[in-house]
Amino acid sequence: MVTEKLKEDVVLSREKVGHAQKFILKKYPEATSKKRAAILADTLHKMIERSLPNGEEERKKAARQRLFEHLLSSGNMIITRFDLAEEGASYADPEEMMNWSTGFLSEDEAKKLMDVFYPPVNVTGNEMKPMNRKRFIPALSGILISGLAVVLILTVDWTDKSEPERTLAEAVPPPVQNVEVYNGPVNELPEHLKFTFVEKEAVQVWLGERGSILADDRNVDAIFQAAHDFNIHPLLLFAITGQEQAFVPRSHENAEEIANNPFNVFHSWEDFNTNIEESSEIAARTVVNLSDGRPQDANPIQWINRKYAEDPNWWQGVEAIFEQMEREIVAKPS
């Protein structure tokens, strides 16, 4: 059943929160624990909002807040695709929900989901209205929610040992003012292929286990930077290198040269041997450009395949590698 499939599709988890925490710790090493907690809270709000379907702004913000509180009040700190769909149906019209759901479901599955959240008003009518669903969240005061947020957000130990211990009230993060958080450029990739925080070290370990030269700092940094600049999931770019050049085995006699262009942009690494920074940028821009105009029912990676590669089955390899990396890097317990 489609709802069960969505309940198993974890969008935000304790592990992903942990990855974001480590990213913030590295980016703001001098910030206090309270400041970093505030940055993380704001980042999580933006991650949730980007994952929701479009709709009336104020109602979408209210749905985002409910999901944020659900994340903090649930014991396992998980938001599933079903949670997003349930909240989305509370404010989005059927057309927006259909557009959103076809980003991760087949058209037939998306139609079944519409039947769940927008049942016909009566047997003979065709009008569809969203079900009046209410998410159960414990009745917590704003102060208690804030305190709970701090307790859970600080699960990963990033406390500055030189700071004096503070009371829970003192630890509550203040409203975020002028804090730099990720808000990447708009593109037509589906949400699950847009930029998200992934732990660099985990990717390096995974690549290192496969003898890849891309695990080296310069190479992995360049690919992460391109993903960040163009709002692409980092693992999608790495998956392309896996399909194109098997992640460039360090044992290959031309490994150093291939690593300059592991995406084979402009035909191949032999025809265009530049450097990893430039080839990563070109590959990222190409992925974004080739994503334009994708029909609702088209697989996003297959749509890119039309012009990126001559092999019509290229997308299947990229998708399989991407999903494997997500399972073994992002979803793997830390």
Protein backbone atom coordinates (compact mmCIF):
# COMPACT_ATOMS: atom_id res chain seq x y z
CA MET A 1 0.00 0.00 0.00
CA VAL A 2 1.29 3.44 -0.92
CA THR A 3 0.84 4.88 2.59
CA GLU A 4 2.96 2.10 4.08
CA LYS A 5 5.65 2.81 1.50
CA LEU A 6 5.71 6.47 2.52
CA LYS A 7 5.85 5.61 6.21
CA GLU A 8 9.08 3.69 5.51
CA ASP A 9 10.60 6.58 3.52
CA VAL A 10 12.54 8.52 6.17
CA VAL A 11 13.19 12.13 5.14
CA LEU A 12 14.67 13.52 8.36
CA SER A 13 16.21 11.43 11.12
CA ARG A 14 18.45 11.63 14.15
CA GLU A 15 21.39 10.68 11.90
CA LYS A 16 20.68 13.53 9.46
CA VAL A 17 20.30 15.95 12.35
CA GLY A 18 23.66 14.72 13.60
CA HIS A 19 25.24 15.35 10.19
CA ALA A 20 23.85 18.90 10.20
CA GLN A 21 25.20 19.43 13.71
CA LYS A 22 28.70 18.40 12.69
CA PHE A 23 28.52 20.61 9.59
CA ILE A 24 27.54 23.61 11.73
CA LEU A 25 30.23 22.82 14.29
CA LYS A 26 32.88 22.94 11.57
CA LYS A 27 31.45 26.06 9.94
CA TYR A 28 31.05 27.98 13.20
CA PRO A 29 33.82 26.64 15.46
CA GLU A 30 33.93 29.83 17.55
CA ALA A 31 30.17 30.02 18.16
CA THR A 32 28.72 29.16 21.55
CA SER A 33 26.61 26.04 22.01
CA LYS A 34 23.53 28.23 22.30
CA LYS A 35 24.29 29.99 19.02
CA ARG A 36 24.92 26.72 17.19
CA ALA A 37 21.67 25.30 18.57
CA ALA A 38 19.85 28.33 17.19
CA ILE A 39 21.48 27.86 13.79
CA LEU A 40 20.56 24.19 13.77
CA ALA A 41 16.95 24.90 14.72
CA ASP A 42 16.68 27.38 11.87
CA THR A 43 18.34 24.93 9.47
CA LEU A 44 15.90 22.15 10.40
CA HIS A 45 12.96 24.49 9.84
CA LYS A 46 14.25 25.26 6.34
CA MET A 47 14.89 21.59 5.55
CA ILE A 48 11.33 20.70 6.57
CA GLU A 49 9.80 23.60 4.65
CA ARG A 50 11.70 22.70 1.47
CA SER A 51 10.42 19.13 1.71
CA LEU A 52 6.74 20.14 1.91
CA PRO A 53 4.46 20.70 -1.10
CA ASN A 54 3.66 24.25 -2.19
CA GLY A 55 0.59 25.99 -0.86
CA GLU A 56 -0.71 29.01 1.04
CA GLU A 57 2.31 30.42 2.84
CA GLU A 58 0.97 30.90 6.36
CA ARG A 59 -0.67 27.47 6.48
CA LYS A 60 2.51 25.90 5.14
CA LYS A 61 4.50 27.59 7.92
CA ALA A 62 2.04 26.23 10.48
CA ALA A 63 2.49 22.73 9.03
CA ARG A 64 6.26 23.16 9.18
CA GLN A 65 6.05 24.13 12.85
CA ARG A 66 3.89 21.10 13.66
CA LEU A 67 6.39 18.81 11.96
CA PHE A 68 9.28 20.44 13.80
CA GLU A 69 7.53 19.87 17.13
CA HIS A 70 6.71 16.32 16.05
CA LEU A 71 10.40 15.73 15.31
CA LEU A 72 11.39 16.95 18.76
CA SER A 73 8.62 15.27 20.73
CA SER A 74 8.89 11.85 19.09
CA GLY A 75 11.28 9.45 20.76
CA ASN A 76 13.10 8.44 17.57
CA MET A 77 13.38 11.90 15.95
CA ILE A 78 12.03 10.86 12.55
CA ILE A 79 9.95 12.58 9.88
CA THR A 80 8.73 10.30 7.11
CA ARG A 81 7.39 11.09 3.67
CA PHE A 82 3.96 10.13 5.00
CA ASP A 83 4.25 12.79 7.73
CA LEU A 84 4.97 15.35 5.01
CA ALA A 85 2.05 14.14 2.89
CA GLU A 86 -0.33 14.22 5.84
CA GLU A 87 0.60 17.79 6.69
CA GLY A 88 0.68 18.83 3.04
CA ALA A 89 -2.88 17.65 2.55
CA SER A 90 -3.97 20.06 5.28
CA TYR A 91 -3.20 23.10 3.11
CA ALA A 92 -2.19 22.12 -0.45
CA ASP A 93 -4.73 21.66 -3.23
CA PRO A 94 -4.90 18.33 -5.08
CA GLU A 95 -2.96 19.63 -8.09
CA GLU A 96 -0.04 20.80 -5.94
CA MET A 97 -0.07 17.55 -3.99
CA MET A 98 -0.06 15.54 -7.22
CA ASN A 99 2.88 17.55 -8.58
CA TRP A 100 4.77 17.07 -5.32
CA SER A 101 4.09 13.35 -4.94
CA THR A 102 5.16 12.44 -8.48
CA GLY A 103 8.65 13.54 -7.48
CA PHE A 104 9.03 10.28 -5.54
CA LEU A 105 6.06 8.11 -6.59
CA SER A 106 4.88 6.71 -9.90
CA GLU A 107 1.81 8.39 -11.37
CA ASP A 108 -0.40 5.45 -10.38
CA GLU A 109 0.91 5.52 -6.81
CA ALA A 110 0.42 9.29 -6.64
CA LYS A 111 -3.21 8.89 -7.72
CA LYS A 112 -3.75 6.33 -4.97
CA LEU A 113 -2.29 8.79 -2.49
CA MET A 114 -4.75 11.41 -3.72
CA ASP A 115 -7.58 8.98 -2.98
CA VAL A 116 -6.33 8.70 0.60
CA PHE A 117 -6.09 12.41 1.33
CA TYR A 118 -8.71 13.81 -1.06
CA PRO A 119 -11.63 11.35 -1.06
CA PRO A 120 -14.69 12.29 -3.15
CA VAL A 121 -17.33 14.26 -1.25
CA ASN A 122 -20.00 11.77 -2.29
CA VAL A 123 -20.39 8.72 -4.48
CA THR A 124 -21.60 10.62 -7.54
CA GLY A 125 -19.60 13.83 -7.22
CA ASN A 126 -16.12 14.38 -8.53
CA GLU A 127 -15.16 17.18 -6.16
CA MET A 128 -12.22 16.31 -3.97
CA LYS A 129 -11.54 17.85 -0.59
CA PRO A 130 -8.70 17.14 1.79
CA MET A 131 -9.39 14.97 4.78
CA ASN A 132 -9.54 16.90 8.04
CA ARG A 133 -6.58 15.27 9.71
CA LYS A 134 -5.02 16.46 12.95
CA ARG A 135 -1.53 15.45 13.95
CA PHE A 136 -1.32 14.52 17.61
CA ILE A 137 1.43 16.43 19.36
CA PRO A 138 1.61 16.51 23.14
CA ALA A 139 0.25 19.73 24.58
CA LEU A 140 3.53 21.43 25.40
CA SER A 141 4.02 25.05 26.27
CA GLY A 142 6.28 27.16 24.08
CA ILE A 143 8.94 27.25 26.79
CA LEU A 144 8.87 23.49 27.23
CA ILE A 145 9.08 22.92 23.48
CA SER A 146 12.09 25.23 23.34
CA GLY A 147 13.73 23.45 26.23
CA LEU A 148 13.04 20.05 24.68
CA ALA A 149 14.51 21.34 21.43
CA VAL A 150 17.74 22.22 23.16
CA VAL A 151 17.97 18.88 24.94
CA LEU A 152 17.50 16.93 21.72
CA ILE A 153 19.43 19.27 19.47
CA LEU A 154 22.44 18.99 21.74
CA THR A 155 22.44 15.19 21.59
CA VAL A 156 25.74 15.42 19.72
CA ASP A 157 28.28 16.84 22.14
CA TRP A 158 29.39 20.18 20.78
CA THR A 159 29.49 21.99 24.09
CA ASP A 160 32.39 24.34 24.63
CA LYS A 161 34.00 22.92 27.76
CA SER A 162 35.25 26.39 28.69
CA GLU A 163 31.69 27.70 29.02
CA PRO A 164 30.08 27.60 32.47
CA GLU A 165 27.14 25.24 32.89
CA ARG A 166 23.84 26.95 32.19
CA THR A 167 20.29 26.39 33.30
CA LEU A 168 17.75 25.04 30.82
CA ALA A 169 16.18 28.49 30.55
CA GLU A 170 19.55 30.02 29.69
CA ALA A 171 20.14 27.34 27.06
CA VAL A 172 16.94 28.08 25.11
CA PRO A 173 18.10 29.38 21.72
CA PRO A 174 17.10 32.97 20.93
CA PRO A 175 15.40 33.94 17.65
CA VAL A 176 17.92 33.63 14.84
CA GLN A 177 19.09 36.99 13.54
CA ASN A 178 21.14 37.31 10.36
CA VAL A 179 22.46 33.75 10.59
CA GLU A 180 23.83 32.21 7.42
CA VAL A 181 21.97 28.98 6.63
CA TYR A 182 21.74 27.03 3.41
CA ASN A 183 19.19 28.48 1.02
CA GLY A 184 20.38 27.36 -2.38
CA PRO A 185 19.35 28.44 -5.86
CA VAL A 186 16.04 27.31 -7.30
CA ASN A 187 16.13 24.42 -9.76
CA GLU A 188 13.72 21.80 -11.08
CA LEU A 189 15.23 18.80 -9.35
CA PRO A 190 12.80 17.00 -7.02
CA GLU A 191 13.30 17.65 -3.32
CA HIS A 192 15.05 14.35 -2.62
CA LEU A 193 17.76 15.22 -5.17
CA LYS A 194 18.37 18.75 -3.88
CA PHE A 195 21.19 19.69 -1.54
CA THR A 196 21.17 18.20 1.92
CA PHE A 197 23.78 17.91 4.64
CA VAL A 198 25.90 14.77 4.32
CA GLU A 199 28.90 14.09 6.51
CA LYS A 200 32.05 14.50 4.44
CA GLU A 201 34.07 12.05 6.54
CA ALA A 202 31.44 9.33 6.08
CA VAL A 203 31.63 9.77 2.31
CA GLN A 204 35.42 9.63 2.42
CA VAL A 205 35.36 6.41 4.43
CA TRP A 206 32.86 4.86 2.00
CA LEU A 207 34.96 5.86 -1.02
CA GLY A 208 38.16 4.80 0.71
CA GLU A 209 36.77 1.32 1.28
CA ARG A 210 36.41 1.09 -2.50
CA GLY A 211 39.93 2.29 -3.20
CA SER A 212 38.71 5.54 -4.77
CA ILE A 213 41.05 8.46 -5.31
CA LEU A 214 38.01 10.71 -4.96
CA ALA A 215 38.25 10.16 -1.20
CA ASP A 216 41.17 12.60 -1.14
CA ASP A 217 40.33 15.94 0.46
CA ARG A 218 40.69 18.08 -2.65
CA ASN A 219 38.47 15.83 -4.75
CA VAL A 220 35.71 15.30 -2.22
CA ASP A 221 35.73 19.00 -1.26
CA ALA A 222 35.32 20.09 -4.87
CA ILE A 223 32.34 17.81 -5.42
CA PHE A 224 30.69 18.91 -2.16
CA GLN A 225 31.24 22.55 -3.09
CA ALA A 226 29.61 22.12 -6.51
CA ALA A 227 26.65 20.32 -4.91
CA HIS A 228 26.26 23.18 -2.43
CA ASP A 229 26.56 25.92 -5.06
CA PHE A 230 24.00 24.38 -7.42
CA ASN A 231 21.56 22.91 -4.86
CA ILE A 232 22.18 19.27 -5.76
CA HIS A 233 22.35 16.30 -3.41
CA PRO A 234 26.09 15.61 -3.00
CA LEU A 235 25.56 11.88 -3.37
CA LEU A 236 23.97 12.37 -6.79
CA LEU A 237 27.20 13.89 -8.09
CA PHE A 238 29.25 11.13 -6.50
CA ALA A 239 26.89 8.54 -8.02
CA ILE A 240 27.55 9.99 -11.47
CA THR A 241 31.29 9.52 -10.95
CA GLY A 242 30.56 5.97 -9.88
CA GLN A 243 28.66 5.25 -13.07
CA GLU A 244 31.10 7.10 -15.32
CA GLN A 245 34.45 6.04 -13.84
CA ALA A 246 33.75 3.52 -11.05
CA PHE A 247 34.75 6.25 -8.55
CA VAL A 248 38.24 6.33 -10.16
CA PRO A 249 40.15 3.44 -8.55
CA ARG A 250 43.42 4.63 -7.08
CA SER A 251 45.08 1.60 -8.66
CA HIS A 252 44.31 2.80 -12.21
CA GLU A 253 47.45 3.90 -14.03
CA ASN A 254 45.74 7.15 -15.07
CA ALA A 255 43.93 7.77 -11.78
CA GLU A 256 45.33 11.28 -11.26
CA GLU A 257 44.26 12.38 -14.74
CA ILE A 258 40.83 10.74 -14.57
CA ALA A 259 40.21 12.42 -11.20
CA ASN A 260 40.43 15.78 -12.97
CA ASN A 261 37.20 14.93 -14.78
CA PRO A 262 35.50 11.88 -13.23
CA PHE A 263 32.14 13.03 -14.66
CA ASN A 264 33.37 12.74 -18.26
CA VAL A 265 32.01 16.19 -19.06
CA PHE A 266 32.66 17.23 -22.65
CA HIS A 267 32.79 13.59 -23.76
CA SER A 268 35.58 12.16 -21.60
CA TRP A 269 38.44 12.84 -19.23
CA GLU A 270 40.83 12.35 -22.14
CA ASP A 271 39.16 14.99 -24.32
CA PHE A 272 38.69 17.46 -21.47
CA ASN A 273 41.33 17.13 -18.77
CA THR A 274 40.97 20.18 -16.60
CA ASN A 275 40.79 20.00 -12.79
CA ILE A 276 38.31 18.55 -10.32
CA GLU A 277 36.95 21.97 -9.33
CA GLU A 278 36.02 22.96 -12.88
CA SER A 279 34.66 19.57 -13.94
CA SER A 280 32.53 19.36 -10.77
CA GLU A 281 31.07 22.79 -11.48
CA ILE A 282 30.34 21.91 -15.11
CA ALA A 283 28.75 18.59 -14.13
CA ALA A 284 26.56 20.27 -11.51
CA ARG A 285 25.44 22.99 -13.91
CA THR A 286 24.71 20.34 -16.55
CA VAL A 287 22.56 18.32 -14.13
CA VAL A 288 20.56 21.43 -13.23
CA ASN A 289 20.12 22.54 -16.85
CA LEU A 290 19.09 19.07 -18.03
CA SER A 291 16.50 18.88 -15.26
CA ASP A 292 14.47 21.72 -16.76
CA GLY A 293 11.12 20.89 -18.31
CA ARG A 294 10.80 17.43 -16.78
CA PRO A 295 7.27 15.98 -17.14
CA GLN A 296 5.54 15.09 -13.88
CA ASP A 297 5.66 11.36 -14.56
CA ALA A 298 9.30 11.25 -15.74
CA ASN A 299 12.05 9.79 -13.59
CA PRO A 300 14.34 12.77 -12.80
CA ILE A 301 17.60 10.91 -13.40
CA GLN A 302 16.29 9.27 -16.56
CA TRP A 303 15.31 12.75 -17.77
CA ILE A 304 18.91 13.91 -17.26
CA ASN A 305 20.08 10.78 -19.13
CA ARG A 306 18.55 12.08 -22.40
CA LYS A 307 21.50 14.36 -23.06
CA TYR A 308 24.10 13.51 -20.43
CA ALA A 309 24.96 10.03 -21.71
CA GLU A 310 24.54 8.04 -24.90
CA ASP A 311 23.75 4.85 -22.99
CA PRO A 312 19.95 4.85 -22.43
CA ASN A 313 20.42 2.74 -19.30
CA TRP A 314 22.93 5.15 -17.73
CA TRP A 315 20.30 6.50 -15.36
CA GLN A 316 19.62 3.06 -13.87
CA GLY A 317 23.23 2.75 -12.76
CA VAL A 318 23.31 6.27 -11.34
CA GLU A 319 20.06 5.76 -9.47
CA ALA A 320 21.17 2.41 -8.05
CA ILE A 321 24.48 3.88 -6.85
CA PHE A 322 22.75 6.93 -5.36
CA GLU A 323 20.30 4.75 -3.44
CA GLN A 324 23.12 2.49 -2.23
CA MET A 325 25.10 5.48 -0.97
CA GLU A 326 22.04 6.86 0.80
CA ARG A 327 21.47 3.53 2.54
CA GLU A 328 25.08 2.99 3.52
CA ILE A 329 26.16 6.56 4.30
CA VAL A 330 23.15 8.69 5.22
CA ALA A 331 20.90 6.07 6.80
CA LYS A 332 23.68 4.08 8.46
CA PRO A 333 23.58 4.48 12.25
CA SER A 334 26.47 6.56 13.56
